[in-house]
Amino acid sequence: MTRYKICQFIVNLYAKHSYLKDSERLNSMEKSFIDRVSVDMNDADATLALYQLSNFLYKYYGKKVIILLDEYDTPTRQIRGLF
């Protein structure tokens, strides 16, 4: 359940920046990565998803990117509540 929620958060971020997939600044491998981002993505893609998004935004805008996560510890608190 927690993994699903985190992946859904990541999917929502990619949806907000769906214009990146149409950008000529990203190559075909990078666009392929975007296609793999889903709530069912494998662990490797899930682990890299935020890092990759920051790289894609950097390539698109030409400026360094900082991703701020609001309430990042909510899933962790939910896990602790189960035990």
PDB file of N, CA and C in Angstrom:
ATOM      1  N   MET A   1       0.819  -1.194   0.000  1.00  0.00           N
ATOM      2  CA  MET A   1       0.000   0.000   0.000  1.00  0.00           C
ATOM      3  C   MET A   1       0.864   1.260   0.000  1.00  0.00           C
ATOM      4  N   THR A   2       1.888   1.312   0.840  1.00  0.00           N
ATOM      5  CA  THR A   2       2.748   2.493   0.900  1.00  0.00           C
ATOM      6  C   THR A   2       3.510   2.676  -0.400  1.00  0.00           C
ATOM      7  N   ARG A   3       4.046   1.582  -0.950  1.00  0.00           N
ATOM      8  CA  ARG A   3       4.775   1.667  -2.215  1.00  0.00           C
ATOM      9  C   ARG A   3       3.849   2.211  -3.305  1.00  0.00           C
ATOM     10  N   TYR A   4       2.631   1.723  -3.331  1.00  0.00           N
ATOM     11  CA  TYR A   4       1.659   2.182  -4.320  1.00  0.00           C
ATOM     12  C   TYR A   4       1.428   3.691  -4.197  1.00  0.00           C
ATOM     13  N   LYS A   5       1.280   4.186  -2.982  1.00  0.00           N
ATOM     14  CA  LYS A   5       1.040   5.615  -2.760  1.00  0.00           C
ATOM     15  C   LYS A   5       2.228   6.456  -3.223  1.00  0.00           C
ATOM     16  N   ILE A   6       3.428   5.988  -2.941  1.00  0.00           N
ATOM     17  CA  ILE A   6       4.623   6.716  -3.370  1.00  0.00           C
ATOM     18  C   ILE A   6       4.696   6.729  -4.893  1.00  0.00           C
ATOM     19  N   CYS A   7       4.442   5.586  -5.510  1.00  0.00           N
ATOM     20  CA  CYS A   7       4.462   5.519  -6.973  1.00  0.00           C
ATOM     21  C   CYS A   7       3.374   6.410  -7.569  1.00  0.00           C
ATOM     22  N   GLN A   8       2.218   6.470  -6.945  1.00  0.00           N
ATOM     23  CA  GLN A   8       1.148   7.330  -7.433  1.00  0.00           C
ATOM     24  C   GLN A   8       1.566   8.801  -7.349  1.00  0.00           C
ATOM     25  N   PHE A   9       2.242   9.168  -6.283  1.00  0.00           N
ATOM     26  CA  PHE A   9       2.767  10.528  -6.143  1.00  0.00           C
ATOM     27  C   PHE A   9       3.717  10.846  -7.298  1.00  0.00           C
ATOM     28  N   ILE A  10       4.606   9.914  -7.608  1.00  0.00           N
ATOM     29  CA  ILE A  10       5.572  10.106  -8.697  1.00  0.00           C
ATOM     30  C   ILE A  10       4.851  10.200 -10.041  1.00  0.00           C
ATOM     31  N   VAL A  11       3.879   9.345 -10.262  1.00  0.00           N
ATOM     32  CA  VAL A  11       3.101   9.381 -11.500  1.00  0.00           C
ATOM     33  C   VAL A  11       2.422  10.739 -11.653  1.00  0.00           C
ATOM     34  N   ASN A  12       1.880  11.268 -10.572  1.00  0.00           N
ATOM     35  CA  ASN A  12       1.232  12.583 -10.620  1.00  0.00           C
ATOM     36  C   ASN A  12       2.223  13.684 -10.985  1.00  0.00           C
ATOM     37  N   LEU A  13       3.437  13.598 -10.452  1.00  0.00           N
ATOM     38  CA  LEU A  13       4.465  14.579 -10.805  1.00  0.00           C
ATOM     39  C   LEU A  13       4.796  14.525 -12.296  1.00  0.00           C
ATOM     40  N   TYR A  14       4.959  13.319 -12.809  1.00  0.00           N
ATOM     41  CA  TYR A  14       5.247  13.176 -14.235  1.00  0.00           C
ATOM     42  C   TYR A  14       4.072  13.671 -15.081  1.00  0.00           C
ATOM     43  N   ALA A  15       2.858  13.464 -14.625  1.00  0.00           N
ATOM     44  CA  ALA A  15       1.688  13.949 -15.367  1.00  0.00           C
ATOM     45  C   ALA A  15       1.682  15.477 -15.435  1.00  0.00           C
ATOM     46  N   LYS A  16       2.086  16.130 -14.351  1.00  0.00           N
ATOM     47  CA  LYS A  16       2.151  17.596 -14.342  1.00  0.00           C
ATOM     48  C   LYS A  16       3.173  18.116 -15.352  1.00  0.00           C
ATOM     49  N   HIS A  17       4.163  17.277 -15.637  1.00  0.00           N
ATOM     50  CA  HIS A  17       5.228  17.682 -16.560  1.00  0.00           C
ATOM     51  C   HIS A  17       5.210  16.833 -17.826  1.00  0.00           C
ATOM     52  N   SER A  18       4.017  16.494 -18.280  1.00  0.00           N
ATOM     53  CA  SER A  18       3.873  15.631 -19.460  1.00  0.00           C
ATOM     54  C   SER A  18       4.444  16.269 -20.731  1.00  0.00           C
ATOM     55  N   TYR A  19       4.567  17.578 -20.747  1.00  0.00           N
ATOM     56  CA  TYR A  19       5.150  18.285 -21.885  1.00  0.00           C
ATOM     57  C   TYR A  19       6.586  17.851 -22.153  1.00  0.00           C
ATOM     58  N   LEU A  20       7.251  17.288 -21.153  1.00  0.00           N
ATOM     59  CA  LEU A  20       8.639  16.856 -21.342  1.00  0.00           C
ATOM     60  C   LEU A  20       8.749  15.783 -22.416  1.00  0.00           C
ATOM     61  N   LYS A  21       7.754  14.937 -22.510  1.00  0.00           N
ATOM     62  CA  LYS A  21       7.795  13.839 -23.477  1.00  0.00           C
ATOM     63  C   LYS A  21       7.783  14.354 -24.915  1.00  0.00           C
ATOM     64  N   ASP A  22       7.219  15.511 -25.138  1.00  0.00           N
ATOM     65  CA  ASP A  22       7.163  16.097 -26.478  1.00  0.00           C
ATOM     66  C   ASP A  22       8.382  16.958 -26.794  1.00  0.00           C
ATOM     67  N   SER A  23       9.244  17.125 -25.821  1.00  0.00           N
ATOM     68  CA  SER A  23      10.403  18.003 -25.989  1.00  0.00           C
ATOM     69  C   SER A  23      11.470  17.353 -26.868  1.00  0.00           C
ATOM     70  N   GLU A  24      12.045  18.156 -27.717  1.00  0.00           N
ATOM     71  CA  GLU A  24      13.160  17.704 -28.556  1.00  0.00           C
ATOM     72  C   GLU A  24      14.459  17.650 -27.752  1.00  0.00           C
ATOM     73  N   ARG A  25      14.433  18.163 -26.545  1.00  0.00           N
ATOM     74  CA  ARG A  25      15.642  18.182 -25.710  1.00  0.00           C
ATOM     75  C   ARG A  25      15.897  16.852 -25.025  1.00  0.00           C
ATOM     76  N   LEU A  26      14.890  15.986 -24.992  1.00  0.00           N
ATOM     77  CA  LEU A  26      15.057  14.656 -24.408  1.00  0.00           C
ATOM     78  C   LEU A  26      15.243  13.646 -25.533  1.00  0.00           C
ATOM     79  N   ASN A  27      16.147  12.693 -25.309  1.00  0.00           N
ATOM     80  CA  ASN A  27      16.374  11.672 -26.325  1.00  0.00           C
ATOM     81  C   ASN A  27      15.372  10.529 -26.173  1.00  0.00           C
ATOM     82  N   SER A  28      15.446   9.573 -27.072  1.00  0.00           N
ATOM     83  CA  SER A  28      14.460   8.488 -27.088  1.00  0.00           C
ATOM     84  C   SER A  28      14.546   7.605 -25.845  1.00  0.00           C
ATOM     85  N   MET A  29      15.732   7.403 -25.292  1.00  0.00           N
ATOM     86  CA  MET A  29      15.862   6.600 -24.070  1.00  0.00           C
ATOM     87  C   MET A  29      15.206   7.302 -22.890  1.00  0.00           C
ATOM     88  N   GLU A  30      15.360   8.612 -22.814  1.00  0.00           N
ATOM     89  CA  GLU A  30      14.750   9.380 -21.729  1.00  0.00           C
ATOM     90  C   GLU A  30      13.223   9.360 -21.861  1.00  0.00           C
ATOM     91  N   LYS A  31      12.735   9.480 -23.076  1.00  0.00           N
ATOM     92  CA  LYS A  31      11.290   9.417 -23.296  1.00  0.00           C
ATOM     93  C   LYS A  31      10.752   8.025 -22.980  1.00  0.00           C
ATOM     94  N   SER A  32      11.556   7.020 -23.249  1.00  0.00           N
ATOM     95  CA  SER A  32      11.177   5.644 -22.911  1.00  0.00           C
ATOM     96  C   SER A  32      11.056   5.473 -21.403  1.00  0.00           C
ATOM     97  N   PHE A  33      11.955   6.114 -20.657  1.00  0.00           N
ATOM     98  CA  PHE A  33      11.875   6.057 -19.196  1.00  0.00           C
ATOM     99  C   PHE A  33      10.557   6.671 -18.724  1.00  0.00           C
ATOM    100  N   ILE A  34      10.193   7.796 -19.285  1.00  0.00           N
ATOM    101  CA  ILE A  34       8.939   8.456 -18.912  1.00  0.00           C
ATOM    102  C   ILE A  34       7.762   7.506 -19.135  1.00  0.00           C
ATOM    103  N   ASP A  35       7.793   6.755 -20.231  1.00  0.00           N
ATOM    104  CA  ASP A  35       6.719   5.794 -20.515  1.00  0.00           C
ATOM    105  C   ASP A  35       6.630   4.694 -19.462  1.00  0.00           C
ATOM    106  N   ARG A  36       7.748   4.363 -18.832  1.00  0.00           N
ATOM    107  CA  ARG A  36       7.760   3.291 -17.835  1.00  0.00           C
ATOM    108  C   ARG A  36       7.271   3.737 -16.460  1.00  0.00           C
ATOM    109  N   VAL A  37       7.150   5.037 -16.243  1.00  0.00           N
ATOM    110  CA  VAL A  37       6.707   5.532 -14.940  1.00  0.00           C
ATOM    111  C   VAL A  37       5.217   5.239 -14.779  1.00  0.00           C
ATOM    112  N   SER A  38       4.909   4.389 -13.823  1.00  0.00           N
ATOM    113  CA  SER A  38       3.524   4.002 -13.537  1.00  0.00           C
ATOM    114  C   SER A  38       3.451   3.518 -12.092  1.00  0.00           C
ATOM    115  N   VAL A  39       2.261   3.307 -11.608  1.00  0.00           N
ATOM    116  CA  VAL A  39       2.124   2.812 -10.235  1.00  0.00           C
ATOM    117  C   VAL A  39       2.676   1.394 -10.101  1.00  0.00           C
ATOM    118  N   ASP A  40       2.821   0.692 -11.225  1.00  0.00           N
ATOM    119  CA  ASP A  40       3.351  -0.667 -11.226  1.00  0.00           C
ATOM    120  C   ASP A  40       4.798  -0.743 -11.691  1.00  0.00           C
ATOM    121  N   MET A  41       5.501   0.391 -11.740  1.00  0.00           N
ATOM    122  CA  MET A  41       6.882   0.389 -12.239  1.00  0.00           C
ATOM    123  C   MET A  41       7.762  -0.489 -11.357  1.00  0.00           C
ATOM    124  N   ASN A  42       8.848  -0.973 -11.958  1.00  0.00           N
ATOM    125  CA  ASN A  42       9.758  -1.821 -11.186  1.00  0.00           C
ATOM    126  C   ASN A  42      10.525  -0.982 -10.168  1.00  0.00           C
ATOM    127  N   ASP A  43      11.183  -1.648  -9.241  1.00  0.00           N
ATOM    128  CA  ASP A  43      11.885  -0.955  -8.155  1.00  0.00           C
ATOM    129  C   ASP A  43      12.992  -0.038  -8.671  1.00  0.00           C
ATOM    130  N   ALA A  44      13.708  -0.473  -9.702  1.00  0.00           N
ATOM    131  CA  ALA A  44      14.797   0.348 -10.237  1.00  0.00           C
ATOM    132  C   ALA A  44      14.260   1.668 -10.788  1.00  0.00           C
ATOM    133  N   ASP A  45      13.180   1.609 -11.564  1.00  0.00           N
ATOM    134  CA  ASP A  45      12.600   2.833 -12.110  1.00  0.00           C
ATOM    135  C   ASP A  45      12.020   3.717 -11.011  1.00  0.00           C
ATOM    136  N   ALA A  46      11.384   3.107 -10.022  1.00  0.00           N
ATOM    137  CA  ALA A  46      10.816   3.881  -8.914  1.00  0.00           C
ATOM    138  C   ALA A  46      11.914   4.608  -8.145  1.00  0.00           C
ATOM    139  N   THR A  47      13.037   3.929  -7.954  1.00  0.00           N
ATOM    140  CA  THR A  47      14.152   4.525  -7.221  1.00  0.00           C
ATOM    141  C   THR A  47      14.747   5.708  -7.975  1.00  0.00           C
ATOM    142  N   LEU A  48      14.776   5.624  -9.295  1.00  0.00           N
ATOM    143  CA  LEU A  48      15.392   6.672 -10.114  1.00  0.00           C
ATOM    144  C   LEU A  48      14.423   7.772 -10.549  1.00  0.00           C
ATOM    145  N   ALA A  49      13.140   7.583 -10.356  1.00  0.00           N
ATOM    146  CA  ALA A  49      12.136   8.456 -10.959  1.00  0.00           C
ATOM    147  C   ALA A  49      12.298   9.938 -10.605  1.00  0.00           C
ATOM    148  N   LEU A  50      12.500  10.264  -9.356  1.00  0.00           N
ATOM    149  CA  LEU A  50      12.639  11.681  -8.981  1.00  0.00           C
ATOM    150  C   LEU A  50      13.957  12.262  -9.482  1.00  0.00           C
ATOM    151  N   TYR A  51      15.013  11.472  -9.399  1.00  0.00           N
ATOM    152  CA  TYR A  51      16.313  11.907  -9.920  1.00  0.00           C
ATOM    153  C   TYR A  51      16.198  12.189 -11.423  1.00  0.00           C
ATOM    154  N   GLN A  52      15.568  11.266 -12.142  1.00  0.00           N
ATOM    155  CA  GLN A  52      15.415  11.439 -13.582  1.00  0.00           C
ATOM    156  C   GLN A  52      14.546  12.657 -13.902  1.00  0.00           C
ATOM    157  N   LEU A  53      13.479  12.843 -13.156  1.00  0.00           N
ATOM    158  CA  LEU A  53      12.618  14.003 -13.400  1.00  0.00           C
ATOM    159  C   LEU A  53      13.409  15.296 -13.245  1.00  0.00           C
ATOM    160  N   SER A  54      14.243  15.379 -12.235  1.00  0.00           N
ATOM    161  CA  SER A  54      15.043  16.601 -12.059  1.00  0.00           C
ATOM    162  C   SER A  54      16.003  16.789 -13.233  1.00  0.00           C
ATOM    163  N   ASN A  55      16.570  15.704 -13.747  1.00  0.00           N
ATOM    164  CA  ASN A  55      17.443  15.798 -14.924  1.00  0.00           C
ATOM    165  C   ASN A  55      16.674  16.241 -16.160  1.00  0.00           C
ATOM    166  N   PHE A  56      15.475  15.691 -16.345  1.00  0.00           N
ATOM    167  CA  PHE A  56      14.664  16.072 -17.500  1.00  0.00           C
ATOM    168  C   PHE A  56      14.286  17.548 -17.442  1.00  0.00           C
ATOM    169  N   LEU A  57      13.916  18.013 -16.266  1.00  0.00           N
ATOM    170  CA  LEU A  57      13.566  19.427 -16.110  1.00  0.00           C
ATOM    171  C   LEU A  57      14.774  20.322 -16.343  1.00  0.00           C
ATOM    172  N   TYR A  58      15.941  19.875 -15.910  1.00  0.00           N
ATOM    173  CA  TYR A  58      17.172  20.633 -16.150  1.00  0.00           C
ATOM    174  C   TYR A  58      17.440  20.748 -17.660  1.00  0.00           C
ATOM    175  N   LYS A  59      17.298  19.635 -18.362  1.00  0.00           N
ATOM    176  CA  LYS A  59      17.524  19.658 -19.805  1.00  0.00           C
ATOM    177  C   LYS A  59      16.509  20.557 -20.506  1.00  0.00           C
ATOM    178  N   TYR A  60      15.282  20.560 -20.021  1.00  0.00           N
ATOM    179  CA  TYR A  60      14.226  21.349 -20.652  1.00  0.00           C
ATOM    180  C   TYR A  60      14.415  22.846 -20.413  1.00  0.00           C
ATOM    181  N   TYR A  61      14.664  23.213 -19.157  1.00  0.00           N
ATOM    182  CA  TYR A  61      14.747  24.632 -18.800  1.00  0.00           C
ATOM    183  C   TYR A  61      16.163  25.192 -18.806  1.00  0.00           C
ATOM    184  N   GLY A  62      17.172  24.322 -18.748  1.00  0.00           N
ATOM    185  CA  GLY A  62      18.547  24.785 -18.721  1.00  0.00           C
ATOM    186  C   GLY A  62      18.947  25.387 -17.383  1.00  0.00           C
ATOM    187  N   LYS A  63      18.212  25.049 -16.340  1.00  0.00           N
ATOM    188  CA  LYS A  63      18.505  25.542 -14.987  1.00  0.00           C
ATOM    189  C   LYS A  63      18.453  24.374 -14.017  1.00  0.00           C
ATOM    190  N   LYS A  64      19.244  24.458 -12.973  1.00  0.00           N
ATOM    191  CA  LYS A  64      19.217  23.419 -11.954  1.00  0.00           C
ATOM    192  C   LYS A  64      17.838  23.367 -11.301  1.00  0.00           C
ATOM    193  N   VAL A  65      17.451  22.170 -10.904  1.00  0.00           N
ATOM    194  CA  VAL A  65      16.114  21.940 -10.382  1.00  0.00           C
ATOM    195  C   VAL A  65      16.201  21.371  -8.973  1.00  0.00           C
ATOM    196  N   ILE A  66      15.312  21.840  -8.128  1.00  0.00           N
ATOM    197  CA  ILE A  66      15.174  21.286  -6.782  1.00  0.00           C
ATOM    198  C   ILE A  66      13.739  20.801  -6.652  1.00  0.00           C
ATOM    199  N   ILE A  67      13.577  19.556  -6.248  1.00  0.00           N
ATOM    200  CA  ILE A  67      12.241  19.012  -6.033  1.00  0.00           C
ATOM    201  C   ILE A  67      11.995  18.972  -4.533  1.00  0.00           C
ATOM    202  N   LEU A  68      10.977  19.688  -4.093  1.00  0.00           N
ATOM    203  CA  LEU A  68      10.605  19.709  -2.685  1.00  0.00           C
ATOM    204  C   LEU A  68       9.432  18.763  -2.467  1.00  0.00           C
ATOM    205  N   LEU A  69       9.559  17.897  -1.499  1.00  0.00           N
ATOM    206  CA  LEU A  69       8.492  16.950  -1.198  1.00  0.00           C
ATOM    207  C   LEU A  69       7.776  17.399   0.061  1.00  0.00           C
ATOM    208  N   ASP A  70       6.501  17.663  -0.073  1.00  0.00           N
ATOM    209  CA  ASP A  70       5.689  18.065   1.063  1.00  0.00           C
ATOM    210  C   ASP A  70       5.100  16.809   1.697  1.00  0.00           C
ATOM    211  N   GLU A  71       5.216  16.700   2.986  1.00  0.00           N
ATOM    212  CA  GLU A  71       4.690  15.556   3.734  1.00  0.00           C
ATOM    213  C   GLU A  71       5.319  14.251   3.268  1.00  0.00           C
ATOM    214  N   TYR A  72       6.615  14.301   2.976  1.00  0.00           N
ATOM    215  CA  TYR A  72       7.330  13.117   2.494  1.00  0.00           C
ATOM    216  C   TYR A  72       7.300  11.965   3.488  1.00  0.00           C
ATOM    217  N   ASP A  73       7.138  12.260   4.762  1.00  0.00           N
ATOM    218  CA  ASP A  73       7.200  11.204   5.770  1.00  0.00           C
ATOM    219  C   ASP A  73       5.834  10.602   6.089  1.00  0.00           C
ATOM    220  N   THR A  74       4.776  11.050   5.434  1.00  0.00           N
ATOM    221  CA  THR A  74       3.439  10.514   5.709  1.00  0.00           C
ATOM    222  C   THR A  74       3.372   8.999   5.531  1.00  0.00           C
ATOM    223  N   PRO A  75       3.878   8.441   4.413  1.00  0.00           N
ATOM    224  CA  PRO A  75       3.830   6.973   4.293  1.00  0.00           C
ATOM    225  C   PRO A  75       4.612   6.264   5.399  1.00  0.00           C
ATOM    226  N   THR A  76       5.724   6.842   5.826  1.00  0.00           N
ATOM    227  CA  THR A  76       6.524   6.240   6.885  1.00  0.00           C
ATOM    228  C   THR A  76       5.745   6.222   8.192  1.00  0.00           C
ATOM    229  N   ARG A  77       5.069   7.306   8.495  1.00  0.00           N
ATOM    230  CA  ARG A  77       4.262   7.352   9.715  1.00  0.00           C
ATOM    231  C   ARG A  77       3.145   6.323   9.666  1.00  0.00           C
ATOM    232  N   GLN A  78       2.587   6.109   8.480  1.00  0.00           N
ATOM    233  CA  GLN A  78       1.531   5.111   8.357  1.00  0.00           C
ATOM    234  C   GLN A  78       2.064   3.708   8.603  1.00  0.00           C
ATOM    235  N   ILE A  79       3.272   3.439   8.152  1.00  0.00           N
ATOM    236  CA  ILE A  79       3.885   2.129   8.377  1.00  0.00           C
ATOM    237  C   ILE A  79       4.116   1.927   9.871  1.00  0.00           C
ATOM    238  N   ARG A  80       4.669   2.933  10.537  1.00  0.00           N
ATOM    239  CA  ARG A  80       4.934   2.821  11.970  1.00  0.00           C
ATOM    240  C   ARG A  80       3.639   2.559  12.743  1.00  0.00           C
ATOM    241  N   GLY A  81       2.538   3.117  12.272  1.00  0.00           N
ATOM    242  CA  GLY A  81       1.259   2.930  12.936  1.00  0.00           C
ATOM    243  C   GLY A  81       0.732   1.498  12.830  1.00  0.00           C
ATOM    244  N   LEU A  82       1.263   0.738  11.875  1.00  0.00           N
ATOM    245  CA  LEU A  82       0.815  -0.640  11.701  1.00  0.00           C
ATOM    246  C   LEU A  82       1.458  -1.596  12.709  1.00  0.00           C
ATOM    247  N   PHE A  83       2.565  -1.191  13.284  1.00  0.00           N
ATOM    248  CA  PHE A  83       3.311  -2.098  14.181  1.00  0.00           C
ATOM    249  C   PHE A  83       3.178  -1.713  15.632  1.00  0.00           C
TER     250      PHE A  83
END
